[in-house]
N, C-alpha and C. Protein backbone atom coordinates (compact mmCIF):
# COMPACT_ATOMS: atom_id res chain seq x y z
N MET A 1 0.96 -0.54 0.03
CA MET A 1 -0.35 0.22 -0.45
C MET A 1 0.63 1.24 0.10
N LEU A 2 -0.09 2.15 -0.55
CA LEU A 2 1.35 3.61 -0.75
C LEU A 2 0.89 4.47 0.38
N LYS A 3 1.74 5.16 0.61
CA LYS A 3 2.07 5.59 1.60
C LYS A 3 2.34 7.58 0.83
N VAL A 4 0.69 8.40 1.26
CA VAL A 4 0.36 9.61 0.59
C VAL A 4 2.14 10.27 0.74
N LYS A 5 2.47 10.61 2.46
CA LYS A 5 4.23 10.77 2.92
C LYS A 5 4.64 10.24 0.92
N ASP A 6 5.10 9.26 0.58
CA ASP A 6 5.68 8.92 0.00
C ASP A 6 5.73 8.76 -2.04
N LEU A 7 4.03 9.57 -2.26
CA LEU A 7 3.18 10.49 -3.14
C LEU A 7 3.97 10.99 -3.36
N ARG A 8 3.91 12.08 -1.96
CA ARG A 8 3.78 13.48 -1.94
C ARG A 8 5.16 14.07 -2.78
N ALA A 9 6.39 12.56 -2.41
CA ALA A 9 7.68 13.25 -2.86
C ALA A 9 8.01 13.03 -4.19
N MET A 10 6.68 12.56 -4.70
CA MET A 10 7.23 12.48 -6.36
C MET A 10 7.45 13.63 -6.59
N THR A 11 7.29 13.92 -7.75
CA THR A 11 7.74 15.22 -9.41
C THR A 11 6.22 14.67 -10.19
N ILE A 12 5.09 15.51 -10.64
CA ILE A 12 4.50 15.15 -10.88
C ILE A 12 4.35 13.77 -12.28
N ASP A 13 6.06 14.55 -12.62
CA ASP A 13 5.76 13.56 -13.43
C ASP A 13 6.13 11.63 -13.55
N GLU A 14 6.62 11.23 -12.27
CA GLU A 14 6.67 10.40 -11.33
C GLU A 14 5.56 9.53 -11.78
N LEU A 15 4.73 10.64 -10.09
CA LEU A 15 3.56 9.97 -10.22
C LEU A 15 2.67 9.46 -11.48
N ASN A 16 2.20 10.40 -12.22
CA ASN A 16 1.96 9.84 -13.43
C ASN A 16 1.98 7.84 -14.20
N ALA A 17 3.87 8.17 -14.21
CA ALA A 17 4.15 6.84 -14.21
C ALA A 17 2.96 6.45 -13.55
N LYS A 18 3.44 6.15 -11.87
CA LYS A 18 2.77 5.76 -11.25
C LYS A 18 1.77 4.71 -11.48
N LEU A 19 1.31 6.11 -11.95
CA LEU A 19 -0.75 5.87 -12.27
C LEU A 19 -0.78 5.27 -13.45
N ILE A 20 0.61 5.19 -14.02
CA ILE A 20 -0.16 4.23 -15.46
C ILE A 20 0.05 2.56 -14.99
N GLU A 21 1.30 2.39 -13.91
CA GLU A 21 1.73 1.15 -13.65
C GLU A 21 0.72 0.94 -12.67
N LYS A 22 -0.06 1.35 -11.77
CA LYS A 22 -0.96 1.17 -11.32
C LYS A 22 -2.78 0.76 -12.15
N LYS A 23 -2.80 1.72 -12.99
CA LYS A 23 -3.55 1.46 -13.66
C LYS A 23 -3.41 -0.24 -14.52
N LYS A 24 -1.98 -0.60 -15.62
CA LYS A 24 -2.32 -2.17 -15.78
C LYS A 24 -2.87 -3.09 -14.63
N GLU A 25 -2.48 -2.23 -13.66
CA GLU A 25 -2.46 -3.21 -12.16
C GLU A 25 -3.57 -3.87 -12.66
N GLN A 26 -4.93 -2.57 -12.30
CA GLN A 26 -6.13 -3.21 -11.99
C GLN A 26 -6.01 -3.33 -13.24
N PHE A 27 -5.94 -3.25 -14.05
CA PHE A 27 -6.56 -4.43 -15.46
C PHE A 27 -6.48 -5.85 -15.11
N ASN A 28 -5.03 -6.00 -15.23
CA ASN A 28 -4.68 -7.01 -14.54
C ASN A 28 -5.24 -7.72 -14.08
N LEU A 29 -5.85 -7.63 -12.94
CA LEU A 29 -6.69 -8.15 -12.04
C LEU A 29 -8.09 -7.97 -12.43
N ARG A 30 -8.31 -7.23 -12.69
CA ARG A 30 -9.59 -7.94 -13.01
C ARG A 30 -9.97 -8.61 -13.98
N VAL A 31 -8.98 -8.64 -15.06
CA VAL A 31 -8.83 -9.78 -16.12
C VAL A 31 -8.86 -11.61 -15.32
N GLN A 32 -7.60 -11.26 -13.94
CA GLN A 32 -7.99 -12.39 -13.71
C GLN A 32 -9.17 -12.64 -12.66
N GLN A 33 -9.93 -11.28 -12.33
CA GLN A 33 -11.05 -12.08 -11.69
C GLN A 33 -12.20 -12.54 -12.12
N SER A 34 -12.22 -12.16 -13.08
CA SER A 34 -13.79 -12.81 -14.41
C SER A 34 -12.56 -14.26 -15.79
N THR A 35 -11.44 -14.78 -15.11
CA THR A 35 -10.69 -15.31 -14.91
C THR A 35 -11.26 -16.57 -13.91
N GLY A 36 -11.01 -16.77 -13.21
CA GLY A 36 -10.92 -16.92 -11.60
C GLY A 36 -9.88 -17.43 -10.46
N GLN A 37 -9.01 -16.28 -12.14
CA GLN A 37 -8.13 -17.03 -10.73
C GLN A 37 -7.69 -15.73 -9.20
N LEU A 38 -7.92 -15.25 -9.50
CA LEU A 38 -8.26 -14.01 -8.96
C LEU A 38 -8.53 -14.81 -6.69
N GLN A 39 -7.70 -14.17 -5.70
CA GLN A 39 -7.72 -15.52 -4.60
C GLN A 39 -7.75 -14.35 -3.93
N ASN A 40 -7.88 -12.77 -3.50
CA ASN A 40 -8.03 -12.14 -2.79
C ASN A 40 -8.75 -10.72 -3.58
N SER A 41 -10.42 -11.03 -3.10
CA SER A 41 -10.54 -10.26 -4.28
C SER A 41 -10.46 -8.51 -3.48
N ALA A 42 -10.11 -8.73 -1.92
CA ALA A 42 -9.63 -6.64 -2.05
C ALA A 42 -8.61 -6.31 -2.20
N VAL A 43 -7.67 -6.83 -2.83
CA VAL A 43 -6.74 -6.38 -3.96
C VAL A 43 -6.43 -5.27 -4.24
N ILE A 44 -8.49 -5.79 -5.24
CA ILE A 44 -9.12 -4.53 -6.23
C ILE A 44 -9.18 -2.97 -5.74
N ARG A 45 -9.69 -3.32 -4.08
CA ARG A 45 -9.43 -2.72 -3.84
C ARG A 45 -9.10 -1.25 -3.12
N ASN A 46 -7.70 -2.33 -2.92
CA ASN A 46 -7.11 -1.77 -2.47
C ASN A 46 -5.88 -0.61 -3.85
N VAL A 47 -5.45 -0.87 -5.21
CA VAL A 47 -5.04 -0.81 -6.34
C VAL A 47 -6.40 0.57 -6.47
N ARG A 48 -7.55 0.94 -6.32
CA ARG A 48 -8.89 1.23 -6.73
C ARG A 48 -8.30 2.62 -6.36
N ARG A 49 -8.50 2.23 -4.34
CA ARG A 49 -7.82 3.65 -3.63
C ARG A 49 -6.33 4.05 -3.80
N GLU A 50 -5.38 3.64 -4.25
CA GLU A 50 -3.79 3.85 -4.80
C GLU A 50 -4.41 4.76 -5.17
N ILE A 51 -5.18 4.71 -6.82
CA ILE A 51 -5.21 5.55 -7.84
C ILE A 51 -6.31 6.46 -7.59
N ALA A 52 -6.88 6.51 -6.94
CA ALA A 52 -7.91 7.50 -6.75
C ALA A 52 -6.03 8.60 -5.22
N LYS A 53 -5.72 7.90 -4.80
CA LYS A 53 -4.71 9.27 -3.85
C LYS A 53 -3.99 10.23 -4.58
N ILE A 54 -2.99 8.86 -5.89
CA ILE A 54 -2.37 9.66 -7.55
C ILE A 54 -3.57 10.52 -7.41
N ASN A 55 -4.57 9.77 -8.37
CA ASN A 55 -5.23 11.53 -8.65
C ASN A 55 -5.40 12.37 -8.26
N THR A 56 -5.80 12.40 -6.53
CA THR A 56 -5.89 14.28 -5.67
C THR A 56 -4.48 14.36 -5.91
N LEU A 57 -3.08 14.04 -5.80
CA LEU A 57 -2.13 14.71 -5.98
C LEU A 57 -1.93 15.49 -6.67
N ILE A 58 -2.54 14.84 -7.83
CA ILE A 58 -2.05 15.73 -9.35
C ILE A 58 -3.21 16.36 -9.66
N ALA A 59 -4.26 16.30 -9.10
CA ALA A 59 -5.05 17.61 -9.52
C ALA A 59 -4.32 18.69 -8.06
N GLU A 60 -4.28 18.58 -6.98
CA GLU A 60 -3.66 19.16 -6.12
C GLU A 60 -2.10 20.19 -7.18
N ARG A 61 -2.33 19.24 -7.66
CA ARG A 61 -0.08 19.85 -7.86
C ARG A 61 -0.42 21.13 -8.80
N LYS A 62 -1.38 20.32 -9.40
CA LYS A 62 -2.62 21.33 -10.96
C LYS A 62 -3.18 22.25 -10.73
N LYS A 63 -3.48 22.23 -9.60
CA LYS A 63 -4.49 23.85 -9.11
C LYS A 63 -3.83 24.40 -8.19
N ASN A 64 -2.37 23.92 -7.79
CA ASN A 64 -1.79 24.93 -6.80
C ASN A 64 -0.51 26.12 -7.97
N SER A 65 -0.08 25.25 -8.68
CA SER A 65 0.75 25.65 -10.33
C SER A 65 0.33 26.39 -11.29
C-alpha cells in the first residue's frame, strides 16, 4: 500500500508513471477476477484507492501551479 507521504515526495512525471502502472495492475486484476484466478478480491479495492490517491495529488499540484 502506498503512503501519501511517499507520493507527495514524487514529481508530477513520477506520479503519472505510477498512475499508469497502477491502472495496468488494476486491469490485470480484473482479468484475473473474470477468469476465476484471483484469490483475494480485496486487492482490487486497494489498487482503486491508490489510483484515487495519485489522482488527488496530481489535481492538487495542477491547482497550485
